[in-house]
């Protein structure tokens, strides 16, 4: 794990990266969203070294992304069940998939995310729940929340691109 600075720990992005930012973790969660639950499922799909997989699964369990549940007594075997916290991460993976297809698939998409009922491909975008408008770099700004420290408030006012007093990026 990386050292924890106060500004990173106060930032929700910093805390999220602390939880799932290691690339194996995101791939493990991707596989869990696709139905993998057992150590061998993840190992076979990812080709990851057992010691690394053990550490990643332990970290994801400790951070509340999985609940470990015994499915065999002798020998003891466990499965990793997604929590609500992990299921809330699914839109992040969906957005990564869409971004990867748009920018990293020059010969075309190998995998699409589709509607379960009619198999129509989705085109994921992040929208504001209040007005369903896309959230973009042009219309978004970072502001201090009610629990922001004095240091964080000062940092946020110094950010040029995210400062409400400065014209949005691209204008």
Protein backbone atom coordinates (compact mmCIF):
# COMPACT_ATOMS: atom_id res chain seq x y z
CA UNK A 1 0.00 0.00 0.00
CA UNK A 2 1.06 3.56 -0.64
CA UNK A 3 1.74 5.99 2.22
CA UNK A 4 -1.37 7.78 3.37
CA UNK A 5 -1.15 11.56 3.21
CA UNK A 6 -3.86 13.68 4.78
CA UNK A 7 -4.93 15.20 1.44
CA UNK A 8 -5.25 11.78 -0.20
CA UNK A 9 -7.18 10.32 2.73
CA UNK A 10 -9.57 13.27 2.77
CA UNK A 11 -10.21 12.96 -0.97
CA UNK A 12 -12.83 10.38 -1.99
CA UNK A 13 -10.83 9.59 -5.14
CA UNK A 14 -7.74 8.94 -3.03
CA UNK A 15 -9.70 6.65 -0.71
CA UNK A 16 -11.24 4.83 -3.69
CA UNK A 17 -7.83 4.26 -5.26
CA UNK A 18 -6.61 2.96 -1.90
CA UNK A 19 -9.41 0.38 -2.01
CA UNK A 20 -9.57 -0.70 -5.66
CA UNK A 21 -6.85 1.18 -7.55
CA UNK A 22 -4.42 -1.71 -7.85
CA UNK A 23 -5.08 -3.20 -11.28
CA UNK A 24 -5.47 -6.79 -10.09
CA UNK A 25 -8.22 -5.62 -7.75
CA UNK A 26 -10.22 -4.10 -10.59
CA UNK A 27 -9.81 -7.25 -12.69
CA UNK A 28 -10.86 -9.43 -9.75
CA UNK A 29 -13.97 -7.29 -9.32
CA UNK A 30 -14.63 -7.47 -13.07
CA UNK A 31 -14.54 -11.26 -12.87
CA UNK A 32 -16.76 -11.24 -9.77
CA UNK A 33 -19.32 -9.14 -11.68
CA UNK A 34 -19.20 -11.86 -14.34
CA UNK A 35 -19.95 -14.57 -11.76
CA UNK A 36 -16.58 -15.69 -10.38
CA UNK A 37 -16.70 -16.43 -6.64
CA UNK A 38 -13.99 -18.98 -5.92
CA UNK A 39 -10.23 -18.64 -5.67
CA UNK A 40 -9.78 -21.11 -8.54
CA UNK A 41 -12.23 -19.12 -10.72
CA UNK A 42 -10.16 -15.97 -10.32
CA UNK A 43 -6.85 -17.80 -10.66
CA UNK A 44 -7.86 -19.54 -13.88
CA UNK A 45 -9.39 -16.43 -15.46
CA UNK A 46 -6.60 -14.04 -14.56
CA UNK A 47 -3.48 -16.21 -14.57
CA UNK A 48 -2.44 -14.39 -11.41
CA UNK A 49 0.15 -15.78 -8.98
CA UNK A 50 -1.60 -17.43 -6.00
CA UNK A 51 0.18 -15.26 -3.42
CA UNK A 52 -0.87 -12.06 -5.19
CA UNK A 53 -4.44 -13.30 -5.60
CA UNK A 54 -4.58 -14.21 -1.90
CA UNK A 55 -3.38 -10.73 -0.91
CA UNK A 56 -5.80 -8.97 -3.26
CA UNK A 57 -8.78 -11.06 -2.12
CA UNK A 58 -7.86 -10.44 1.52
CA UNK A 59 -7.58 -6.69 0.89
CA UNK A 60 -10.90 -6.56 -0.97
CA UNK A 61 -12.52 -8.53 1.86
CA UNK A 62 -11.00 -6.32 4.58
CA UNK A 63 -12.13 -3.20 2.72
CA UNK A 64 -15.71 -4.46 2.50
CA UNK A 65 -15.92 -5.33 -1.20
CA UNK A 66 -16.33 -9.08 -0.55
CA UNK A 67 -17.73 -11.24 2.19
CA UNK A 68 -15.88 -14.53 2.53
CA UNK A 69 -18.26 -17.46 2.92
CA UNK A 70 -17.32 -21.08 3.55
CA UNK A 71 -18.76 -23.47 0.98
CA UNK A 72 -16.81 -26.64 1.91
CA UNK A 73 -15.88 -27.97 5.34
CA UNK A 74 -13.17 -30.52 4.47
CA UNK A 75 -10.98 -29.18 3.19
CA UNK A 76 -12.12 -25.69 4.20
CA UNK A 77 -12.92 -23.69 1.06
CA UNK A 78 -14.33 -20.21 0.75
CA UNK A 79 -16.09 -18.19 -1.88
CA UNK A 80 -15.99 -14.44 -2.25
CA UNK A 81 -19.41 -12.83 -2.43
CA UNK A 82 -19.89 -9.28 -3.68
CA UNK A 83 -21.22 -6.79 -1.13
CA UNK A 84 -23.47 -3.82 -1.87
CA UNK A 85 -20.33 -1.67 -1.68
CA UNK A 86 -18.76 -3.75 -4.47
CA UNK A 87 -21.94 -3.76 -6.56
CA UNK A 88 -21.90 0.04 -6.34
CA UNK A 89 -18.50 -0.13 -8.09
CA UNK A 90 -20.03 -1.76 -11.19
CA UNK A 91 -20.71 1.56 -12.99
CA UNK A 92 -16.99 2.36 -12.69
CA UNK A 93 -16.12 -0.90 -14.48
CA UNK A 94 -18.84 -0.25 -17.08
CA UNK A 95 -17.38 3.20 -17.73
CA UNK A 96 -13.85 1.76 -17.99
CA UNK A 97 -15.14 -0.76 -20.51
CA UNK A 98 -16.75 1.98 -22.62
CA UNK A 99 -13.63 4.18 -22.42
CA UNK A 100 -11.41 1.24 -23.37
CA UNK A 101 -13.63 0.42 -26.35
CA UNK A 102 -13.62 4.05 -27.49
CA UNK A 103 -9.90 4.77 -27.09
CA UNK A 104 -8.05 1.45 -26.94
CA UNK A 105 -9.76 -0.79 -29.50
CA UNK A 106 -8.53 0.47 -32.89
CA UNK A 107 -9.72 -2.69 -34.67
CA UNK A 108 -13.12 -2.67 -32.96
CA UNK A 109 -14.68 -3.81 -29.71
CA UNK A 110 -14.11 -7.37 -28.52
CA UNK A 111 -16.52 -7.01 -25.58
CA UNK A 112 -19.67 -4.94 -25.27
CA UNK A 113 -21.90 -4.25 -22.29
CA UNK A 114 -25.49 -4.93 -23.31
CA UNK A 115 -29.02 -4.83 -21.95
CA UNK A 116 -29.81 -8.17 -20.31
CA UNK A 117 -33.31 -8.34 -21.84
CA UNK A 118 -32.83 -7.35 -25.48
CA UNK A 119 -29.01 -7.56 -25.79
CA UNK A 120 -28.87 -3.99 -27.14
CA UNK A 121 -25.36 -2.60 -26.48
CA UNK A 122 -25.22 0.05 -23.80
CA UNK A 123 -23.36 3.31 -24.25
CA UNK A 124 -22.48 4.17 -20.63
CA UNK A 125 -22.29 7.81 -19.60
CA UNK A 126 -22.17 9.36 -16.16
CA UNK A 127 -25.22 11.52 -15.53
CA UNK A 128 -26.55 13.66 -12.73
CA UNK A 129 -29.41 11.82 -11.03
CA UNK A 130 -31.40 15.05 -10.56
CA UNK A 131 -31.64 16.11 -14.22
CA UNK A 132 -30.15 13.10 -16.08
CA UNK A 133 -27.67 15.40 -17.86
CA UNK A 134 -24.18 14.03 -18.61
CA UNK A 135 -21.46 15.08 -16.18
CA UNK A 136 -18.47 16.36 -18.14
CA UNK A 137 -15.25 18.22 -17.46
CA UNK A 138 -16.89 21.28 -19.00
CA UNK A 139 -19.90 21.42 -16.66
CA UNK A 140 -18.37 20.02 -13.44
CA UNK A 141 -16.55 21.71 -10.62
CA UNK A 142 -15.13 20.40 -7.36
CA UNK A 143 -16.31 22.21 -4.24
CA UNK A 144 -15.66 21.64 -0.57
CA UNK A 145 -18.06 19.36 1.25
CA UNK A 146 -19.36 20.04 4.74
CA UNK A 147 -16.57 17.95 6.34
CA UNK A 148 -13.68 19.45 4.34
CA UNK A 149 -10.72 20.56 6.43
CA UNK A 150 -9.24 24.03 6.21
CA UNK A 151 -6.30 22.57 4.26
CA UNK A 152 -8.63 20.87 1.78
CA UNK A 153 -10.70 24.04 1.32
CA UNK A 154 -7.52 25.99 0.56
CA UNK A 155 -6.34 23.32 -1.89
CA UNK A 156 -9.67 23.28 -3.71
CA UNK A 157 -9.73 27.05 -4.16
CA UNK A 158 -6.25 26.86 -5.70
CA UNK A 159 -7.27 24.38 -8.42
CA UNK A 160 -7.57 26.31 -11.69
CA UNK A 161 -9.60 23.88 -13.79
CA UNK A 162 -12.02 23.00 -11.02
CA UNK A 163 -12.48 26.46 -9.53
CA UNK A 164 -15.99 27.82 -10.18
CA UNK A 165 -14.52 31.30 -10.73
CA UNK A 166 -12.45 30.05 -13.68
CA UNK A 167 -13.88 29.29 -17.12
CA UNK A 168 -14.45 25.55 -17.66
CA UNK A 169 -11.84 23.55 -19.57
CA UNK A 170 -12.41 23.76 -23.29
CA UNK A 171 -14.13 27.18 -23.25
